[in-house]
Amino acid sequence: MNDFRSYKPDNNKNNNGDFNTTADFAKAITKAMSGKNEGQIMRTIIAEAERGKREGRLTNADLDNFYNTVYPMLDSSKRKKLNEVIARLKNI
């Protein structure tokens, strides 16, 4: 898998091609990212987020929701990095 767009699992989906639950989606992403290092995962996430912002599929409100969800689970250095990434994406 080179990016999220190219990942197309054939299980854990309903008839519309959507995941049945957030947990199914998380499991699929975890499986897809297995064996990747932190840098590779970050580059993939940032590239997809940048694409989403440019195509109008990702809003600043979406970024805020993501930030507020993930922030409490991170240590101080990762919080700082997340803040920098979110700020960068908001400026696209």
N, C-alpha and C. Protein backbone atom coordinates (compact mmCIF):
# COMPACT_ATOMS: atom_id res chain seq x y z
N MET A 1 0.84 -1.17 0.00
CA MET A 1 0.00 0.00 0.00
C MET A 1 0.88 1.24 0.00
N ASN A 2 0.66 2.13 -0.94
CA ASN A 2 1.41 3.36 -1.01
C ASN A 2 0.71 4.51 -0.29
N ASP A 3 -0.60 4.50 -0.26
CA ASP A 3 -1.36 5.54 0.43
C ASP A 3 -2.73 5.01 0.80
N PHE A 4 -3.51 5.82 1.54
CA PHE A 4 -4.83 5.40 1.96
C PHE A 4 -5.75 5.17 0.78
N ARG A 5 -5.61 5.97 -0.25
CA ARG A 5 -6.49 5.87 -1.41
C ARG A 5 -6.34 4.52 -2.11
N SER A 6 -5.12 3.98 -2.13
CA SER A 6 -4.90 2.71 -2.84
C SER A 6 -5.28 1.51 -1.99
N TYR A 7 -5.57 1.70 -0.71
CA TYR A 7 -5.93 0.59 0.15
C TYR A 7 -7.41 0.27 0.01
N LYS A 8 -7.73 -0.94 -0.44
CA LYS A 8 -9.10 -1.35 -0.63
C LYS A 8 -9.31 -2.75 -0.07
N PRO A 9 -9.59 -2.83 1.23
CA PRO A 9 -9.84 -4.16 1.81
C PRO A 9 -11.16 -4.70 1.29
N ASP A 10 -11.30 -6.02 1.29
CA ASP A 10 -12.54 -6.60 0.79
C ASP A 10 -13.39 -7.19 1.90
N ASN A 11 -12.99 -6.99 3.15
CA ASN A 11 -13.81 -7.45 4.25
C ASN A 11 -14.10 -6.29 5.19
N ASN A 12 -14.96 -6.51 6.18
CA ASN A 12 -15.35 -5.48 7.15
C ASN A 12 -16.12 -4.34 6.53
N LYS A 13 -16.73 -4.57 5.37
CA LYS A 13 -17.51 -3.52 4.72
C LYS A 13 -18.95 -3.95 4.56
N ASN A 14 -19.83 -2.95 4.45
CA ASN A 14 -21.21 -3.29 4.16
C ASN A 14 -21.41 -3.28 2.65
N ASN A 15 -22.60 -3.44 2.17
CA ASN A 15 -22.86 -3.54 0.73
C ASN A 15 -22.55 -2.26 -0.03
N ASN A 16 -22.51 -1.13 0.65
CA ASN A 16 -22.22 0.14 -0.02
C ASN A 16 -20.73 0.41 -0.14
N GLY A 17 -19.90 -0.46 0.40
CA GLY A 17 -18.46 -0.25 0.36
C GLY A 17 -17.95 0.55 1.55
N ASP A 18 -18.86 0.95 2.45
CA ASP A 18 -18.45 1.70 3.63
C ASP A 18 -18.18 0.71 4.76
N PHE A 19 -17.36 1.13 5.71
CA PHE A 19 -17.08 0.27 6.85
C PHE A 19 -18.29 0.27 7.77
N ASN A 20 -18.57 -0.87 8.37
CA ASN A 20 -19.72 -1.00 9.26
C ASN A 20 -19.55 -0.21 10.54
N THR A 21 -18.34 -0.16 11.06
CA THR A 21 -18.08 0.57 12.30
C THR A 21 -16.74 1.27 12.22
N THR A 22 -16.57 2.22 13.10
CA THR A 22 -15.26 2.89 13.19
C THR A 22 -14.18 1.89 13.57
N ALA A 23 -14.55 0.92 14.39
CA ALA A 23 -13.57 -0.11 14.81
C ALA A 23 -13.10 -0.92 13.60
N ASP A 24 -14.02 -1.25 12.68
CA ASP A 24 -13.63 -1.98 11.47
C ASP A 24 -12.66 -1.15 10.64
N PHE A 25 -12.94 0.14 10.54
CA PHE A 25 -12.05 1.03 9.79
C PHE A 25 -10.68 1.10 10.46
N ALA A 26 -10.67 1.24 11.77
CA ALA A 26 -9.40 1.32 12.51
C ALA A 26 -8.60 0.03 12.34
N LYS A 27 -9.27 -1.11 12.38
CA LYS A 27 -8.58 -2.39 12.18
C LYS A 27 -7.97 -2.48 10.79
N ALA A 28 -8.72 -2.02 9.78
CA ALA A 28 -8.23 -2.07 8.41
C ALA A 28 -7.01 -1.17 8.23
N ILE A 29 -7.05 0.02 8.81
CA ILE A 29 -5.92 0.94 8.71
C ILE A 29 -4.72 0.39 9.46
N THR A 30 -4.96 -0.16 10.64
CA THR A 30 -3.87 -0.76 11.42
C THR A 30 -3.19 -1.86 10.63
N LYS A 31 -3.98 -2.71 10.01
CA LYS A 31 -3.43 -3.80 9.19
C LYS A 31 -2.63 -3.23 8.01
N ALA A 32 -3.15 -2.20 7.37
CA ALA A 32 -2.48 -1.60 6.22
C ALA A 32 -1.16 -0.94 6.60
N MET A 33 -1.09 -0.40 7.80
CA MET A 33 0.11 0.30 8.23
C MET A 33 1.11 -0.61 8.94
N SER A 34 0.76 -1.85 9.12
CA SER A 34 1.63 -2.81 9.78
C SER A 34 2.97 -2.88 9.05
N GLY A 35 4.04 -2.78 9.81
CA GLY A 35 5.37 -2.86 9.24
C GLY A 35 5.94 -1.54 8.77
N LYS A 36 5.14 -0.49 8.80
CA LYS A 36 5.61 0.84 8.39
C LYS A 36 6.20 1.53 9.62
N ASN A 37 7.21 2.35 9.39
CA ASN A 37 7.77 3.10 10.51
C ASN A 37 6.98 4.40 10.71
N GLU A 38 7.24 5.08 11.80
CA GLU A 38 6.49 6.29 12.14
C GLU A 38 6.58 7.35 11.05
N GLY A 39 7.76 7.51 10.47
CA GLY A 39 7.94 8.50 9.41
C GLY A 39 7.09 8.19 8.18
N GLN A 40 7.05 6.93 7.78
CA GLN A 40 6.24 6.54 6.63
C GLN A 40 4.76 6.78 6.90
N ILE A 41 4.31 6.45 8.08
CA ILE A 41 2.90 6.64 8.44
C ILE A 41 2.57 8.13 8.45
N MET A 42 3.42 8.94 9.06
CA MET A 42 3.18 10.39 9.12
C MET A 42 3.13 11.00 7.72
N ARG A 43 4.06 10.61 6.86
CA ARG A 43 4.06 11.15 5.49
C ARG A 43 2.77 10.78 4.76
N THR A 44 2.30 9.56 4.94
CA THR A 44 1.06 9.12 4.29
C THR A 44 -0.13 9.91 4.81
N ILE A 45 -0.23 10.04 6.13
CA ILE A 45 -1.35 10.77 6.73
C ILE A 45 -1.34 12.23 6.27
N ILE A 46 -0.19 12.87 6.30
CA ILE A 46 -0.10 14.28 5.91
C ILE A 46 -0.42 14.45 4.43
N ALA A 47 0.09 13.58 3.59
CA ALA A 47 -0.18 13.68 2.15
C ALA A 47 -1.68 13.54 1.87
N GLU A 48 -2.33 12.58 2.53
CA GLU A 48 -3.77 12.38 2.33
C GLU A 48 -4.57 13.56 2.87
N ALA A 49 -4.15 14.10 4.01
CA ALA A 49 -4.84 15.26 4.58
C ALA A 49 -4.68 16.47 3.67
N GLU A 50 -3.48 16.68 3.14
CA GLU A 50 -3.26 17.79 2.21
C GLU A 50 -4.13 17.65 0.97
N ARG A 51 -4.21 16.45 0.45
CA ARG A 51 -5.05 16.19 -0.72
C ARG A 51 -6.52 16.47 -0.39
N GLY A 52 -6.96 16.01 0.77
CA GLY A 52 -8.33 16.24 1.20
C GLY A 52 -8.66 17.71 1.35
N LYS A 53 -7.72 18.48 1.90
CA LYS A 53 -7.92 19.94 2.03
C LYS A 53 -8.03 20.59 0.66
N ARG A 54 -7.14 20.24 -0.23
CA ARG A 54 -7.14 20.86 -1.57
C ARG A 54 -8.39 20.50 -2.37
N GLU A 55 -8.91 19.28 -2.14
CA GLU A 55 -10.10 18.83 -2.86
C GLU A 55 -11.39 19.21 -2.14
N GLY A 56 -11.28 19.86 -1.00
CA GLY A 56 -12.46 20.31 -0.26
C GLY A 56 -13.17 19.22 0.53
N ARG A 57 -12.52 18.07 0.71
CA ARG A 57 -13.13 16.98 1.47
C ARG A 57 -12.77 17.02 2.95
N LEU A 58 -11.82 17.85 3.33
CA LEU A 58 -11.36 17.96 4.71
C LEU A 58 -11.42 19.42 5.12
N THR A 59 -12.18 19.70 6.18
CA THR A 59 -12.34 21.08 6.63
C THR A 59 -11.51 21.35 7.88
N ASN A 60 -11.39 22.62 8.23
CA ASN A 60 -10.70 22.97 9.46
C ASN A 60 -11.45 22.43 10.67
N ALA A 61 -12.78 22.35 10.59
CA ALA A 61 -13.57 21.76 11.68
C ALA A 61 -13.22 20.27 11.84
N ASP A 62 -13.04 19.57 10.71
CA ASP A 62 -12.61 18.16 10.77
C ASP A 62 -11.26 18.04 11.45
N LEU A 63 -10.36 18.95 11.12
CA LEU A 63 -9.02 18.93 11.73
C LEU A 63 -9.11 19.19 13.23
N ASP A 64 -9.97 20.15 13.62
CA ASP A 64 -10.16 20.44 15.05
C ASP A 64 -10.71 19.22 15.78
N ASN A 65 -11.68 18.55 15.18
CA ASN A 65 -12.25 17.35 15.80
C ASN A 65 -11.19 16.26 15.97
N PHE A 66 -10.37 16.07 14.94
CA PHE A 66 -9.29 15.09 15.01
C PHE A 66 -8.31 15.46 16.13
N TYR A 67 -7.92 16.72 16.15
CA TYR A 67 -6.98 17.21 17.16
C TYR A 67 -7.51 16.96 18.57
N ASN A 68 -8.77 17.33 18.79
CA ASN A 68 -9.37 17.18 20.12
C ASN A 68 -9.52 15.72 20.53
N THR A 69 -9.66 14.84 19.57
CA THR A 69 -9.79 13.42 19.86
C THR A 69 -8.45 12.79 20.20
N VAL A 70 -7.43 13.14 19.44
CA VAL A 70 -6.12 12.50 19.57
C VAL A 70 -5.25 13.13 20.65
N TYR A 71 -5.35 14.43 20.84
CA TYR A 71 -4.49 15.18 21.74
C TYR A 71 -4.33 14.55 23.13
N PRO A 72 -5.41 14.13 23.80
CA PRO A 72 -5.25 13.59 25.15
C PRO A 72 -4.45 12.29 25.22
N MET A 73 -4.29 11.61 24.12
CA MET A 73 -3.60 10.32 24.12
C MET A 73 -2.10 10.45 23.88
N LEU A 74 -1.61 11.66 23.65
CA LEU A 74 -0.21 11.86 23.26
C LEU A 74 0.62 12.43 24.39
N ASP A 75 1.94 12.17 24.31
CA ASP A 75 2.85 12.80 25.25
C ASP A 75 3.17 14.20 24.74
N SER A 76 3.91 14.97 25.51
CA SER A 76 4.12 16.39 25.18
C SER A 76 4.83 16.61 23.84
N SER A 77 5.80 15.79 23.50
CA SER A 77 6.51 15.99 22.22
C SER A 77 5.59 15.67 21.03
N LYS A 78 4.76 14.65 21.17
CA LYS A 78 3.85 14.31 20.09
C LYS A 78 2.70 15.31 20.00
N ARG A 79 2.30 15.88 21.12
CA ARG A 79 1.29 16.95 21.11
C ARG A 79 1.80 18.15 20.32
N LYS A 80 3.06 18.48 20.56
CA LYS A 80 3.66 19.61 19.85
C LYS A 80 3.69 19.34 18.35
N LYS A 81 4.09 18.14 17.96
CA LYS A 81 4.13 17.76 16.55
C LYS A 81 2.74 17.79 15.93
N LEU A 82 1.74 17.26 16.65
CA LEU A 82 0.36 17.28 16.16
C LEU A 82 -0.11 18.71 15.96
N ASN A 83 0.19 19.58 16.89
CA ASN A 83 -0.20 20.99 16.78
C ASN A 83 0.42 21.62 15.54
N GLU A 84 1.69 21.33 15.28
CA GLU A 84 2.37 21.86 14.09
C GLU A 84 1.73 21.34 12.80
N VAL A 85 1.42 20.05 12.77
CA VAL A 85 0.82 19.45 11.57
C VAL A 85 -0.57 20.04 11.31
N ILE A 86 -1.37 20.16 12.36
CA ILE A 86 -2.73 20.71 12.21
C ILE A 86 -2.65 22.16 11.73
N ALA A 87 -1.76 22.94 12.32
CA ALA A 87 -1.60 24.34 11.89
C ALA A 87 -1.20 24.42 10.42
N ARG A 88 -0.29 23.57 10.01
CA ARG A 88 0.15 23.53 8.61
C ARG A 88 -1.01 23.18 7.67
N LEU A 89 -1.79 22.18 8.05
CA LEU A 89 -2.91 21.77 7.22
C LEU A 89 -4.01 22.84 7.15
N LYS A 90 -4.22 23.55 8.23
CA LYS A 90 -5.24 24.60 8.24
C LYS A 90 -4.89 25.74 7.29
N ASN A 91 -3.61 25.91 7.03
CA ASN A 91 -3.17 27.01 6.16
C ASN A 91 -3.21 26.65 4.67
N ILE A 92 -3.64 25.46 4.35
CA ILE A 92 -3.72 25.05 2.93
C ILE A 92 -5.00 25.61 2.35
